[in-house]
Amino acid sequence: MTVTLLRLTPYELVSRFAADLDITNLLRAILNHAAFQSPAARTGRVRTPVEWIVGAERALKITPDANTTNWLNTLQQRPFQPPNVAGWPSNGYWVNTASALDRVRIAQSLANAGDTSAIQAAAASARATAVADLLGVDAWSPRTAAALAQVQSEPKSVVALALVSPEYTLN
């Protein structure tokens, strides 16, 4: 993140750093600033296909294999094969209607292959909270919570739906 994105004035940073030129104070000023910890900073970037798939595989204790490569090919982010020297476009280039069905299918495959025992062990009414804990999501929006409640009797569907939610897709 840049200072501009955080809306920190140079004076705020300089005053923390200039006193003793201790980089720790500068970093503390940036990391503890309200703008750095705001919801906009938390969800201001869309996960890339690699981050989305590998993050899900880690959470679900899936070892990456040929399926991982196939899924990344489907979502058009082949590791070590960027489209040009600039790499892949950032943010939501891959989150579009053309890839929506692919993301749902991949999420279902991940949920079916992964360890969902924590979700299955939770009471149906607590599964949305359990999957939020599993995926590292702070909270569900009312719309996502309502969608998860509709499938709460099916643990794998709860996981698949959570994986395609805005709360998980956004970093």
Foldseek 3Di string as FASTA:
>chain_A
DDCVQLVDDVCQQCVQCVVPNDVVSNVCSSCVRCSCVDPCNQQVFFDDLVCLLVLLCVLQVHDDDVVSQVLCVLLPQHPPCAPDPVGHDTGDPSPDPVCVVSLLVSLLVSLVPGHLVQLVPDDLLCNLVSLCVSSVFPDDDPVLNVVLNVCSVPSSVSRSSVSPDSRNRGD
